[in-house]
Amino acid sequence: MLTRSFRLPLLAGTAFIALATPGTAQACACGCGIFDVGDGTLTPQASDSGLSVFFRYDYMDQDTNHEHGHPAPAADNGDQRIETSFFTLGGQYQLTPKWMLMAELPLYKRQFTTIATNDAGNSQITRFPLTDLGDAEVNLTYTGFAKDMSTGLGLGVKLPTGRYTSPAFANFTQNPPFDRDTLPGTGSTDLQVVGYHIGHIGAAGHWFAQAQYRFAVAIRDGYRPGNELDGAVGVSYDLAAGHTRIAPTVQVLGSLRAHDTGLNADPRNSGYQRLLVAPGLRVQLTRKLSVYGDVELPVAQYVNAANPATADTAGQLVAPALFKLQLNYGF
């Protein structure tokens, strides 16, 4: 069982990393940026060396077309389904008691089902697989505003390491199937500003509030991802079970993303607002090893959409639920 003096810095680091993790979402205009916030995105572990690492798996199956605030006919949207598994490897290093450095790199495994036109000029519903790297990110956060590290502010940079051009597929060489907003990388260099605050609820509980804002500062090939604001408010409570510590969590997550812009963007069918509720659970298996998981359920969402009467494609694909599972280890 962790002492109270150790628990609050641990929780503060948790919130920092939850904010700083850019993860898997920069190129997914349909809503995977929400993975970047929330309790448990990374729980720093007790570490003799100051170094801890994590592996995170996220899953999202976008199978329903949405226009504005309601489901819409699948026929309005040429894209039929985007099923994605995100595998993210990262680590953090405590430079000093007041400064943390974090880096991570995601890998996408995606199945994209869309109405595509082959080289013979025939349109058909086709599934295209893609496994490739996403955009790496490095973040630096200052946690010295309070002695207990309960408040922090950080700055991060996303690097254009991910694939931002569509791969070639047999019989579809003239019309590559992947648009810019369905690829693992954006091709842009982005900055993000993050902040958090944590408070106690009794001896074993805590509440937290987080926010992050990201925006592109350098773009490539006519595509600028929309600026995005993500936030989370939640509570967690530590329960003891022998030598294992279990912490149920419930949180409310929100996102605001502006339209994508540029010659290779689809401004009318990009940008959204959404609200989700996410029950989760963190289990501290040993002093240095923990696991966290949650399910994120949309309760309200609004997506920008073109007029289906005047556009070939209208709407955005959304998922009924999002899933997260993460392992953390401190050396």
C-alpha atoms as a PDB file:
ATOM      1  CA  MET A   1       0.000   0.000   0.000  1.00  0.00           C
ATOM      2  CA  LEU A   2       1.483   3.355  -1.033  1.00  0.00           C
ATOM      3  CA  THR A   3       1.865   6.063   1.560  1.00  0.00           C
ATOM      4  CA  ARG A   4      -0.104   9.294   1.235  1.00  0.00           C
ATOM      5  CA  SER A   5       3.135  11.264   0.638  1.00  0.00           C
ATOM      6  CA  PHE A   6       3.966   9.086  -2.365  1.00  0.00           C
ATOM      7  CA  ARG A   7       0.431   8.740  -3.700  1.00  0.00           C
ATOM      8  CA  LEU A   8      -0.203  12.385  -4.614  1.00  0.00           C
ATOM      9  CA  PRO A   9       2.965  12.840  -6.709  1.00  0.00           C
ATOM     10  CA  LEU A  10       2.062   9.569  -8.374  1.00  0.00           C
ATOM     11  CA  LEU A  11      -1.408  10.854  -9.181  1.00  0.00           C
ATOM     12  CA  ALA A  12      -0.034  14.175 -10.366  1.00  0.00           C
ATOM     13  CA  GLY A  13       2.275  12.363 -12.740  1.00  0.00           C
ATOM     14  CA  THR A  14      -0.676  10.323 -13.914  1.00  0.00           C
ATOM     15  CA  ALA A  15      -2.604  13.425 -14.873  1.00  0.00           C
ATOM     16  CA  PHE A  16       0.405  14.945 -16.594  1.00  0.00           C
ATOM     17  CA  ILE A  17       0.935  11.927 -18.765  1.00  0.00           C
ATOM     18  CA  ALA A  18      -2.751  11.553 -19.494  1.00  0.00           C
ATOM     19  CA  LEU A  19      -2.609  15.059 -20.880  1.00  0.00           C
ATOM     20  CA  ALA A  20       0.749  14.829 -22.576  1.00  0.00           C
ATOM     21  CA  THR A  21       0.136  11.573 -24.404  1.00  0.00           C
ATOM     22  CA  PRO A  22      -0.630  12.471 -27.975  1.00  0.00           C
ATOM     23  CA  GLY A  23      -1.027   9.044 -28.865  1.00  0.00           C
ATOM     24  CA  THR A  24      -3.003   7.641 -31.477  1.00  0.00           C
ATOM     25  CA  ALA A  25      -5.230  10.313 -32.632  1.00  0.00           C
ATOM     26  CA  GLN A  26      -3.681  13.043 -34.590  1.00  0.00           C
ATOM     27  CA  ALA A  27      -4.779  11.829 -38.009  1.00  0.00           C
ATOM     28  CA  CYS A  28      -8.173  10.453 -37.143  1.00  0.00           C
ATOM     29  CA  ALA A  29     -10.678  13.216 -37.822  1.00  0.00           C
ATOM     30  CA  CYS A  30     -13.533  11.041 -36.596  1.00  0.00           C
ATOM     31  CA  GLY A  31     -12.660  11.234 -32.927  1.00  0.00           C
ATOM     32  CA  CYS A  32      -9.749   9.168 -31.621  1.00  0.00           C
ATOM     33  CA  GLY A  33      -8.104  12.193 -29.995  1.00  0.00           C
ATOM     34  CA  ILE A  34     -10.185  11.418 -26.925  1.00  0.00           C
ATOM     35  CA  PHE A  35      -7.725   8.623 -26.058  1.00  0.00           C
ATOM     36  CA  ASP A  36      -5.240  11.310 -25.058  1.00  0.00           C
ATOM     37  CA  VAL A  37      -6.970  12.426 -21.860  1.00  0.00           C
ATOM     38  CA  GLY A  38      -8.370  10.705 -18.812  1.00  0.00           C
ATOM     39  CA  ASP A  39      -7.149   9.063 -15.649  1.00  0.00           C
ATOM     40  CA  GLY A  40      -4.964   6.045 -16.295  1.00  0.00           C
ATOM     41  CA  THR A  41      -3.542   7.007 -19.689  1.00  0.00           C
ATOM     42  CA  LEU A  42      -0.253   6.467 -17.962  1.00  0.00           C
ATOM     43  CA  THR A  43       0.239   5.737 -14.274  1.00  0.00           C
ATOM     44  CA  PRO A  44       3.886   6.446 -13.374  1.00  0.00           C
ATOM     45  CA  GLN A  45       5.416   3.685 -11.313  1.00  0.00           C
ATOM     46  CA  ALA A  46       7.804   3.787  -8.387  1.00  0.00           C
ATOM     47  CA  SER A  47      11.203   3.884 -10.069  1.00  0.00           C
ATOM     48  CA  ASP A  48      14.688   3.739  -8.591  1.00  0.00           C
ATOM     49  CA  SER A  49      16.171   5.092 -11.831  1.00  0.00           C
ATOM     50  CA  GLY A  50      13.510   7.722 -12.598  1.00  0.00           C
ATOM     51  CA  LEU A  51      12.547   5.803 -15.752  1.00  0.00           C
ATOM     52  CA  SER A  52       9.184   4.136 -16.416  1.00  0.00           C
ATOM     53  CA  VAL A  53       7.722   2.650 -19.600  1.00  0.00           C
ATOM     54  CA  PHE A  54       4.237   1.812 -20.799  1.00  0.00           C
ATOM     55  CA  PHE A  55       2.435  -0.143 -23.488  1.00  0.00           C
ATOM     56  CA  ARG A  56      -1.099   0.887 -24.422  1.00  0.00           C
ATOM     57  CA  TYR A  57      -3.704  -0.797 -26.615  1.00  0.00           C
ATOM     58  CA  ASP A  58      -6.676   1.232 -27.854  1.00  0.00           C
ATOM     59  CA  TYR A  59      -9.514   0.012 -30.048  1.00  0.00           C
ATOM     60  CA  MET A  60     -12.205   1.821 -31.999  1.00  0.00           C
ATOM     61  CA  ASP A  61     -14.691   0.526 -34.587  1.00  0.00           C
ATOM     62  CA  GLN A  62     -16.291   3.418 -36.494  1.00  0.00           C
ATOM     63  CA  ASP A  63     -19.197   1.701 -38.207  1.00  0.00           C
ATOM     64  CA  THR A  64     -22.063   4.222 -38.109  1.00  0.00           C
ATOM     65  CA  ASN A  65     -22.441   7.289 -40.298  1.00  0.00           C
ATOM     66  CA  HIS A  66     -23.363  10.499 -38.445  1.00  0.00           C
ATOM     67  CA  GLU A  67     -24.507  13.869 -39.777  1.00  0.00           C
ATOM     68  CA  HIS A  68     -24.649  16.699 -37.282  1.00  0.00           C
ATOM     69  CA  GLY A  69     -26.292  15.343 -34.096  1.00  0.00           C
ATOM     70  CA  HIS A  70     -27.905  12.160 -35.388  1.00  0.00           C
ATOM     71  CA  PRO A  71     -27.236   8.881 -37.233  1.00  0.00           C
ATOM     72  CA  ALA A  72     -27.522   9.150 -41.018  1.00  0.00           C
ATOM     73  CA  PRO A  73     -27.933   6.731 -43.938  1.00  0.00           C
ATOM     74  CA  ALA A  74     -24.791   4.784 -44.765  1.00  0.00           C
ATOM     75  CA  ALA A  75     -25.437   5.570 -48.426  1.00  0.00           C
ATOM     76  CA  ASP A  76     -24.613   9.240 -47.773  1.00  0.00           C
ATOM     77  CA  ASN A  77     -20.996   8.416 -46.976  1.00  0.00           C
ATOM     78  CA  GLY A  78     -18.571   6.659 -49.293  1.00  0.00           C
ATOM     79  CA  ASP A  79     -16.628   5.478 -46.240  1.00  0.00           C
ATOM     80  CA  GLN A  80     -18.420   2.538 -44.651  1.00  0.00           C
ATOM     81  CA  ARG A  81     -16.245   1.433 -41.726  1.00  0.00           C
ATOM     82  CA  ILE A  82     -12.897   2.213 -40.039  1.00  0.00           C
ATOM     83  CA  GLU A  83     -11.775  -0.452 -37.571  1.00  0.00           C
ATOM     84  CA  THR A  84      -8.522   0.375 -35.802  1.00  0.00           C
ATOM     85  CA  SER A  85      -6.247  -1.131 -33.182  1.00  0.00           C
ATOM     86  CA  PHE A  86      -3.650   1.284 -31.797  1.00  0.00           C
ATOM     87  CA  PHE A  87      -0.446  -0.078 -30.222  1.00  0.00           C
ATOM     88  CA  THR A  88       1.567   2.595 -28.397  1.00  0.00           C
ATOM     89  CA  LEU A  89       4.984   2.203 -26.767  1.00  0.00           C
ATOM     90  CA  GLY A  90       6.333   5.007 -24.627  1.00  0.00           C
ATOM     91  CA  GLY A  91       8.316   6.035 -21.621  1.00  0.00           C
ATOM     92  CA  GLN A  92       8.936   8.892 -19.233  1.00  0.00           C
ATOM     93  CA  TYR A  93      11.973  10.095 -17.321  1.00  0.00           C
ATOM     94  CA  GLN A  94      11.937  12.315 -14.252  1.00  0.00           C
ATOM     95  CA  LEU A  95      14.699  14.830 -14.998  1.00  0.00           C
ATOM     96  CA  THR A  96      14.333  16.582 -11.626  1.00  0.00           C
ATOM     97  CA  PRO A  97      11.645  16.544  -8.904  1.00  0.00           C
ATOM     98  CA  LYS A  98       9.866  19.301 -10.882  1.00  0.00           C
ATOM     99  CA  TRP A  99      10.399  18.285 -14.522  1.00  0.00           C
ATOM    100  CA  MET A 100       9.270  15.228 -16.503  1.00  0.00           C
ATOM    101  CA  LEU A 101      10.175  14.199 -20.054  1.00  0.00           C
ATOM    102  CA  MET A 102       7.969  11.788 -22.010  1.00  0.00           C
ATOM    103  CA  ALA A 103       8.160  10.243 -25.497  1.00  0.00           C
ATOM    104  CA  GLU A 104       5.961   7.753 -27.337  1.00  0.00           C
ATOM    105  CA  LEU A 105       5.402   6.168 -30.729  1.00  0.00           C
ATOM    106  CA  PRO A 106       2.128   4.557 -31.914  1.00  0.00           C
ATOM    107  CA  LEU A 107       1.515   1.824 -34.474  1.00  0.00           C
ATOM    108  CA  TYR A 108      -1.801   1.624 -36.355  1.00  0.00           C
ATOM    109  CA  LYS A 109      -3.469  -1.565 -37.550  1.00  0.00           C
ATOM    110  CA  ARG A 110      -6.470  -0.435 -39.593  1.00  0.00           C
ATOM    111  CA  GLN A 111      -9.150  -1.999 -41.784  1.00  0.00           C
ATOM    112  CA  PHE A 112     -10.752   0.675 -43.965  1.00  0.00           C
ATOM    113  CA  THR A 113     -13.956  -0.206 -45.840  1.00  0.00           C
ATOM    114  CA  THR A 114     -14.983   2.320 -48.471  1.00  0.00           C
ATOM    115  CA  ILE A 115     -16.588   2.679 -51.899  1.00  0.00           C
ATOM    116  CA  ALA A 116     -13.515   2.850 -54.133  1.00  0.00           C
ATOM    117  CA  THR A 117     -13.069   3.244 -57.879  1.00  0.00           C
ATOM    118  CA  ASN A 118     -10.662   0.727 -59.398  1.00  0.00           C
ATOM    119  CA  ASP A 119      -8.383   1.276 -62.385  1.00  0.00           C
ATOM    120  CA  ALA A 120     -11.075  -0.026 -64.736  1.00  0.00           C
ATOM    121  CA  GLY A 121     -13.406   2.766 -63.577  1.00  0.00           C
ATOM    122  CA  ASN A 122     -15.742   0.524 -61.577  1.00  0.00           C
ATOM    123  CA  SER A 123     -16.852   1.523 -58.074  1.00  0.00           C
ATOM    124  CA  GLN A 124     -17.222  -1.143 -55.421  1.00  0.00           C
ATOM    125  CA  ILE A 125     -17.185  -1.567 -51.652  1.00  0.00           C
ATOM    126  CA  THR A 126     -13.666  -2.727 -50.800  1.00  0.00           C
ATOM    127  CA  ARG A 127     -11.744  -3.347 -47.590  1.00  0.00           C
ATOM    128  CA  PHE A 128      -8.180  -2.013 -47.434  1.00  0.00           C
ATOM    129  CA  PRO A 129      -5.765  -3.084 -44.657  1.00  0.00           C
ATOM    130  CA  LEU A 130      -3.034  -0.782 -43.392  1.00  0.00           C
ATOM    131  CA  THR A 131      -0.429  -1.330 -40.669  1.00  0.00           C
ATOM    132  CA  ASP A 132       2.043   1.502 -40.202  1.00  0.00           C
ATOM    133  CA  LEU A 133       3.611   3.918 -37.754  1.00  0.00           C
ATOM    134  CA  GLY A 134       1.805   6.969 -36.442  1.00  0.00           C
ATOM    135  CA  ASP A 135       3.250  10.299 -35.308  1.00  0.00           C
ATOM    136  CA  ALA A 136       5.774  10.325 -32.473  1.00  0.00           C
ATOM    137  CA  GLU A 137       5.632  12.906 -29.707  1.00  0.00           C
ATOM    138  CA  VAL A 138       7.925  14.339 -27.061  1.00  0.00           C
ATOM    139  CA  ASN A 139       6.596  16.314 -24.075  1.00  0.00           C
ATOM    140  CA  LEU A 140       8.119  18.275 -21.204  1.00  0.00           C
ATOM    141  CA  THR A 141       6.030  19.151 -18.152  1.00  0.00           C
ATOM    142  CA  TYR A 142       6.679  21.339 -15.106  1.00  0.00           C
ATOM    143  CA  THR A 143       5.081  20.054 -11.902  1.00  0.00           C
ATOM    144  CA  GLY A 144       6.621  22.493  -9.418  1.00  0.00           C
ATOM    145  CA  PHE A 145       3.694  24.858  -8.870  1.00  0.00           C
ATOM    146  CA  ALA A 146       2.882  23.014  -5.639  1.00  0.00           C
ATOM    147  CA  LYS A 147       5.105  20.921  -3.375  1.00  0.00           C
ATOM    148  CA  ASP A 148       2.776  17.944  -3.742  1.00  0.00           C
ATOM    149  CA  MET A 149       2.853  18.182  -7.597  1.00  0.00           C
ATOM    150  CA  SER A 150      -0.927  18.526  -7.664  1.00  0.00           C
ATOM    151  CA  THR A 151      -0.838  21.124 -10.457  1.00  0.00           C
ATOM    152  CA  GLY A 152       1.165  21.005 -13.682  1.00  0.00           C
ATOM    153  CA  LEU A 153       1.662  22.646 -17.060  1.00  0.00           C
ATOM    154  CA  GLY A 154       3.426  21.215 -20.083  1.00  0.00           C
ATOM    155  CA  LEU A 155       4.397  21.724 -23.703  1.00  0.00           C
ATOM    156  CA  GLY A 156       4.746  19.019 -26.338  1.00  0.00           C
ATOM    157  CA  VAL A 157       5.638  18.582 -29.991  1.00  0.00           C
ATOM    158  CA  LYS A 158       4.239  15.991 -32.400  1.00  0.00           C
ATOM    159  CA  LEU A 159       6.650  14.933 -35.134  1.00  0.00           C
ATOM    160  CA  PRO A 160       5.553  13.886 -38.660  1.00  0.00           C
ATOM    161  CA  THR A 161       6.869  10.317 -38.404  1.00  0.00           C
ATOM    162  CA  GLY A 162       3.610   8.605 -39.433  1.00  0.00           C
ATOM    163  CA  ARG A 163       2.497   7.615 -42.910  1.00  0.00           C
ATOM    164  CA  TYR A 164       0.550  10.459 -44.504  1.00  0.00           C
ATOM    165  CA  THR A 165       0.293   9.131 -48.080  1.00  0.00           C
ATOM    166  CA  SER A 166      -1.966   6.287 -49.162  1.00  0.00           C
ATOM    167  CA  PRO A 167      -0.212   2.971 -49.874  1.00  0.00           C
ATOM    168  CA  ALA A 168      -0.614   1.423 -53.308  1.00  0.00           C
ATOM    169  CA  PHE A 169      -3.128  -1.382 -53.798  1.00  0.00           C
ATOM    170  CA  ALA A 170      -3.464  -3.636 -56.812  1.00  0.00           C
ATOM    171  CA  ASN A 171      -6.184  -2.424 -59.214  1.00  0.00           C
ATOM    172  CA  PHE A 172      -6.510   0.868 -57.283  1.00  0.00           C
ATOM    173  CA  THR A 173      -3.339   2.671 -58.395  1.00  0.00           C
ATOM    174  CA  GLN A 174      -5.117   5.641 -60.005  1.00  0.00           C
ATOM    175  CA  ASN A 175      -7.395   6.378 -57.062  1.00  0.00           C
ATOM    176  CA  PRO A 176      -5.628   5.630 -53.755  1.00  0.00           C
ATOM    177  CA  PRO A 177      -8.309   4.713 -51.206  1.00  0.00           C
ATOM    178  CA  PHE A 178      -6.978   6.437 -48.069  1.00  0.00           C
ATOM    179  CA  ASP A 179      -7.731  10.128 -47.625  1.00  0.00           C
ATOM    180  CA  ARG A 180      -5.487  12.304 -45.472  1.00  0.00           C
ATOM    181  CA  ASP A 181      -7.770  12.104 -42.433  1.00  0.00           C
ATOM    182  CA  THR A 182      -7.831   8.293 -42.464  1.00  0.00           C
ATOM    183  CA  LEU A 183      -4.035   7.795 -42.474  1.00  0.00           C
ATOM    184  CA  PRO A 184      -1.870   7.186 -39.373  1.00  0.00           C
ATOM    185  CA  GLY A 185       0.072  10.452 -39.766  1.00  0.00           C
ATOM    186  CA  THR A 186      -0.946  13.996 -40.588  1.00  0.00           C
ATOM    187  CA  GLY A 187       2.321  15.084 -42.196  1.00  0.00           C
ATOM    188  CA  SER A 188       2.227  18.100 -39.892  1.00  0.00           C
ATOM    189  CA  THR A 189       4.311  19.220 -36.945  1.00  0.00           C
ATOM    190  CA  ASP A 190       2.014  20.109 -34.049  1.00  0.00           C
ATOM    191  CA  LEU A 191       2.400  21.803 -30.689  1.00  0.00           C
ATOM    192  CA  GLN A 192       0.222  21.105 -27.681  1.00  0.00           C
ATOM    193  CA  VAL A 193      -0.254  22.835 -24.350  1.00  0.00           C
ATOM    194  CA  VAL A 194      -1.495  20.772 -21.410  1.00  0.00           C
ATOM    195  CA  GLY A 195      -2.519  21.354 -17.814  1.00  0.00           C
ATOM    196  CA  TYR A 196      -3.971  19.465 -14.859  1.00  0.00           C
ATOM    197  CA  HIS A 197      -5.029  19.774 -11.234  1.00  0.00           C
ATOM    198  CA  ILE A 198      -5.691  17.041  -8.649  1.00  0.00           C
ATOM    199  CA  GLY A 199      -7.500  17.246  -5.320  1.00  0.00           C
ATOM    200  CA  HIS A 200      -8.130  14.753  -2.513  1.00  0.00           C
ATOM    201  CA  ILE A 201     -11.461  13.228  -1.497  1.00  0.00           C
ATOM    202  CA  GLY A 202     -10.921  11.844   1.975  1.00  0.00           C
ATOM    203  CA  ALA A 203      -7.899   9.632   2.612  1.00  0.00           C
ATOM    204  CA  ALA A 204      -8.162   7.288  -0.386  1.00  0.00           C
ATOM    205  CA  GLY A 205     -10.017   9.184  -3.123  1.00  0.00           C
ATOM    206  CA  HIS A 206      -9.050  11.938  -5.528  1.00  0.00           C
ATOM    207  CA  TRP A 207     -10.626  14.104  -8.204  1.00  0.00           C
ATOM    208  CA  PHE A 208      -8.894  15.510 -11.251  1.00  0.00           C
ATOM    209  CA  ALA A 209      -9.420  18.016 -14.049  1.00  0.00           C
ATOM    210  CA  GLN A 210      -7.366  18.079 -17.253  1.00  0.00           C
ATOM    211  CA  ALA A 211      -7.222  19.982 -20.510  1.00  0.00           C
ATOM    212  CA  GLN A 212      -5.064  19.908 -23.619  1.00  0.00           C
ATOM    213  CA  TYR A 213      -4.998  22.016 -26.770  1.00  0.00           C
ATOM    214  CA  ARG A 214      -3.095  21.019 -29.919  1.00  0.00           C
ATOM    215  CA  PHE A 215      -2.530  22.845 -33.179  1.00  0.00           C
ATOM    216  CA  ALA A 216      -0.425  22.437 -36.309  1.00  0.00           C
ATOM    217  CA  VAL A 217       2.487  24.828 -36.839  1.00  0.00           C
ATOM    218  CA  ALA A 218       3.928  23.302 -40.049  1.00  0.00           C
ATOM    219  CA  ILE A 219       1.943  21.349 -42.643  1.00  0.00           C
ATOM    220  CA  ARG A 220       2.679  19.272 -45.737  1.00  0.00           C
ATOM    221  CA  ASP A 221       0.938  18.635 -49.058  1.00  0.00           C
ATOM    222  CA  GLY A 222      -2.183  20.710 -48.550  1.00  0.00           C
ATOM    223  CA  TYR A 223      -3.553  19.268 -45.319  1.00  0.00           C
ATOM    224  CA  ARG A 224      -3.906  20.975 -41.956  1.00  0.00           C
ATOM    225  CA  PRO A 225      -5.618  18.961 -39.186  1.00  0.00           C
ATOM    226  CA  GLY A 226      -8.179  20.935 -37.225  1.00  0.00           C
ATOM    227  CA  ASN A 227      -7.126  22.436 -33.914  1.00  0.00           C
ATOM    228  CA  GLU A 228      -8.361  20.259 -31.055  1.00  0.00           C
ATOM    229  CA  LEU A 229      -9.283  20.795 -27.414  1.00  0.00           C
ATOM    230  CA  ASP A 230      -9.726  17.710 -25.190  1.00  0.00           C
ATOM    231  CA  GLY A 231     -10.592  17.597 -21.503  1.00  0.00           C
ATOM    232  CA  ALA A 232     -11.472  15.268 -18.663  1.00  0.00           C
ATOM    233  CA  VAL A 233     -13.020  15.551 -15.209  1.00  0.00           C
ATOM    234  CA  GLY A 234     -13.225  12.512 -12.969  1.00  0.00           C
ATOM    235  CA  VAL A 235     -12.933  10.810  -9.607  1.00  0.00           C
ATOM    236  CA  SER A 236     -11.065   7.713  -8.441  1.00  0.00           C
ATOM    237  CA  TYR A 237     -10.983   5.775  -5.162  1.00  0.00           C
ATOM    238  CA  ASP A 238      -8.267   3.423  -3.899  1.00  0.00           C
ATOM    239  CA  LEU A 239      -9.359   0.079  -2.502  1.00  0.00           C
ATOM    240  CA  ALA A 240      -7.015  -2.373  -0.780  1.00  0.00           C
ATOM    241  CA  ALA A 241      -7.199  -6.093  -1.638  1.00  0.00           C
ATOM    242  CA  GLY A 242      -4.324  -7.821   0.157  1.00  0.00           C
ATOM    243  CA  HIS A 243      -1.096  -6.690  -1.493  1.00  0.00           C
ATOM    244  CA  THR A 244      -3.011  -5.427  -4.554  1.00  0.00           C
ATOM    245  CA  ARG A 245      -4.412  -1.900  -4.798  1.00  0.00           C
ATOM    246  CA  ILE A 246      -7.564  -1.478  -6.910  1.00  0.00           C
ATOM    247  CA  ALA A 247      -8.866   1.947  -7.939  1.00  0.00           C
ATOM    248  CA  PRO A 248     -12.251   2.251  -9.696  1.00  0.00           C
ATOM    249  CA  THR A 249     -12.581   5.416 -11.784  1.00  0.00           C
ATOM    250  CA  VAL A 250     -15.404   7.290 -13.461  1.00  0.00           C
ATOM    251  CA  GLN A 251     -14.820  10.301 -15.664  1.00  0.00           C
ATOM    252  CA  VAL A 252     -16.471  12.607 -18.182  1.00  0.00           C
ATOM    253  CA  LEU A 253     -14.476  13.292 -21.349  1.00  0.00           C
ATOM    254  CA  GLY A 254     -15.071  16.021 -23.913  1.00  0.00           C
ATOM    255  CA  SER A 255     -13.611  17.024 -27.289  1.00  0.00           C
ATOM    256  CA  LEU A 256     -13.878  20.002 -29.607  1.00  0.00           C
ATOM    257  CA  ARG A 257     -12.180  19.768 -33.000  1.00  0.00           C
ATOM    258  CA  ALA A 258     -12.236  22.394 -35.732  1.00  0.00           C
ATOM    259  CA  HIS A 259     -12.616  21.690 -39.462  1.00  0.00           C
ATOM    260  CA  ASP A 260      -9.593  20.354 -41.330  1.00  0.00           C
ATOM    261  CA  THR A 261      -8.361  22.759 -44.005  1.00  0.00           C
ATOM    262  CA  GLY A 262      -6.225  22.701 -47.145  1.00  0.00           C
ATOM    263  CA  LEU A 263      -6.458  21.438 -50.711  1.00  0.00           C
ATOM    264  CA  ASN A 264      -6.325  17.787 -49.602  1.00  0.00           C
ATOM    265  CA  ALA A 265      -8.734  18.173 -46.684  1.00  0.00           C
ATOM    266  CA  ASP A 266     -12.493  17.704 -46.482  1.00  0.00           C
ATOM    267  CA  PRO A 267     -13.554  20.734 -44.402  1.00  0.00           C
ATOM    268  CA  ARG A 268     -17.296  20.079 -44.638  1.00  0.00           C
ATOM    269  CA  ASN A 269     -17.009  16.528 -43.293  1.00  0.00           C
ATOM    270  CA  SER A 270     -14.459  17.147 -40.537  1.00  0.00           C
ATOM    271  CA  GLY A 271     -14.614  18.650 -37.076  1.00  0.00           C
ATOM    272  CA  TYR A 272     -16.819  17.554 -34.192  1.00  0.00           C
ATOM    273  CA  GLN A 273     -17.926  18.040 -30.600  1.00  0.00           C
ATOM    274  CA  ARG A 274     -18.483  15.109 -28.291  1.00  0.00           C
ATOM    275  CA  LEU A 275     -19.097  14.123 -24.679  1.00  0.00           C
ATOM    276  CA  LEU A 276     -18.352  10.673 -23.247  1.00  0.00           C
ATOM    277  CA  VAL A 277     -18.595   8.907 -19.899  1.00  0.00           C
ATOM    278  CA  ALA A 278     -15.849   6.400 -19.073  1.00  0.00           C
ATOM    279  CA  PRO A 279     -15.904   3.887 -16.212  1.00  0.00           C
ATOM    280  CA  GLY A 280     -12.485   2.345 -15.625  1.00  0.00           C
ATOM    281  CA  LEU A 281     -10.276   0.386 -13.256  1.00  0.00           C
ATOM    282  CA  ARG A 282      -6.612   0.588 -12.281  1.00  0.00           C
ATOM    283  CA  VAL A 283      -4.927  -2.350 -10.530  1.00  0.00           C
ATOM    284  CA  GLN A 284      -1.536  -1.886  -8.851  1.00  0.00           C
ATOM    285  CA  LEU A 285      -0.121  -5.414  -9.115  1.00  0.00           C
ATOM    286  CA  THR A 286       3.267  -4.650  -7.522  1.00  0.00           C
ATOM    287  CA  ARG A 287       5.078  -1.504  -6.456  1.00  0.00           C
ATOM    288  CA  LYS A 288       6.413  -1.103 -10.019  1.00  0.00           C
ATOM    289  CA  LEU A 289       3.743  -2.753 -12.181  1.00  0.00           C
ATOM    290  CA  SER A 290       0.149  -1.654 -12.827  1.00  0.00           C
ATOM    291  CA  VAL A 291      -2.598  -2.164 -15.389  1.00  0.00           C
ATOM    292  CA  TYR A 292      -5.404   0.225 -16.339  1.00  0.00           C
ATOM    293  CA  GLY A 293      -8.473  -0.202 -18.545  1.00  0.00           C
ATOM    294  CA  ASP A 294     -11.662   1.664 -19.390  1.00  0.00           C
ATOM    295  CA  VAL A 295     -14.536   1.849 -21.851  1.00  0.00           C
ATOM    296  CA  GLU A 296     -15.575   5.260 -23.207  1.00  0.00           C
ATOM    297  CA  LEU A 297     -19.244   5.637 -24.123  1.00  0.00           C
ATOM    298  CA  PRO A 298     -20.559   8.627 -26.126  1.00  0.00           C
ATOM    299  CA  VAL A 299     -23.534  10.330 -24.504  1.00  0.00           C
ATOM    300  CA  ALA A 300     -23.717  13.321 -26.882  1.00  0.00           C
ATOM    301  CA  GLN A 301     -21.949  14.046 -30.144  1.00  0.00           C
ATOM    302  CA  TYR A 302     -22.188  16.459 -33.061  1.00  0.00           C
ATOM    303  CA  VAL A 303     -20.168  16.068 -36.260  1.00  0.00           C
ATOM    304  CA  ASN A 304     -19.855  18.497 -39.139  1.00  0.00           C
ATOM    305  CA  ALA A 305     -21.325  17.158 -42.373  1.00  0.00           C
ATOM    306  CA  ALA A 306     -21.878  18.282 -45.936  1.00  0.00           C
ATOM    307  CA  ASN A 307     -25.368  18.507 -47.400  1.00  0.00           C
ATOM    308  CA  PRO A 308     -26.083  15.017 -48.842  1.00  0.00           C
ATOM    309  CA  ALA A 309     -28.247  16.606 -51.556  1.00  0.00           C
ATOM    310  CA  THR A 310     -25.286  18.492 -53.014  1.00  0.00           C
ATOM    311  CA  ALA A 311     -22.219  16.440 -52.010  1.00  0.00           C
ATOM    312  CA  ASP A 312     -20.929  13.015 -53.038  1.00  0.00           C
ATOM    313  CA  THR A 313     -20.030  12.238 -49.439  1.00  0.00           C
ATOM    314  CA  ALA A 314     -21.765  13.508 -46.299  1.00  0.00           C
ATOM    315  CA  GLY A 315     -21.108  12.714 -42.650  1.00  0.00           C
ATOM    316  CA  GLN A 316     -18.472  11.094 -40.479  1.00  0.00           C
ATOM    317  CA  LEU A 317     -18.126   7.598 -39.095  1.00  0.00           C
ATOM    318  CA  VAL A 318     -18.496   7.231 -35.317  1.00  0.00           C
ATOM    319  CA  ALA A 319     -18.004   4.335 -32.911  1.00  0.00           C
ATOM    320  CA  PRO A 320     -20.517   3.110 -30.293  1.00  0.00           C
ATOM    321  CA  ALA A 321     -17.703   2.670 -27.742  1.00  0.00           C
ATOM    322  CA  LEU A 322     -13.938   3.140 -27.374  1.00  0.00           C
ATOM    323  CA  PHE A 323     -11.637   0.843 -25.387  1.00  0.00           C
ATOM    324  CA  LYS A 324      -8.309   1.365 -23.637  1.00  0.00           C
ATOM    325  CA  LEU A 325      -5.902  -1.031 -21.876  1.00  0.00           C
ATOM    326  CA  GLN A 326      -2.464  -0.039 -20.563  1.00  0.00           C
ATOM    327  CA  LEU A 327       0.470  -1.674 -18.763  1.00  0.00           C
ATOM    328  CA  ASN A 328       2.980   0.464 -16.838  1.00  0.00           C
ATOM    329  CA  TYR A 329       6.349  -0.526 -15.355  1.00  0.00           C
ATOM    330  CA  GLY A 330       8.946   1.472 -13.408  1.00  0.00           C
ATOM    331  CA  PHE A 331      12.601   0.479 -13.359  1.00  0.00           C
END
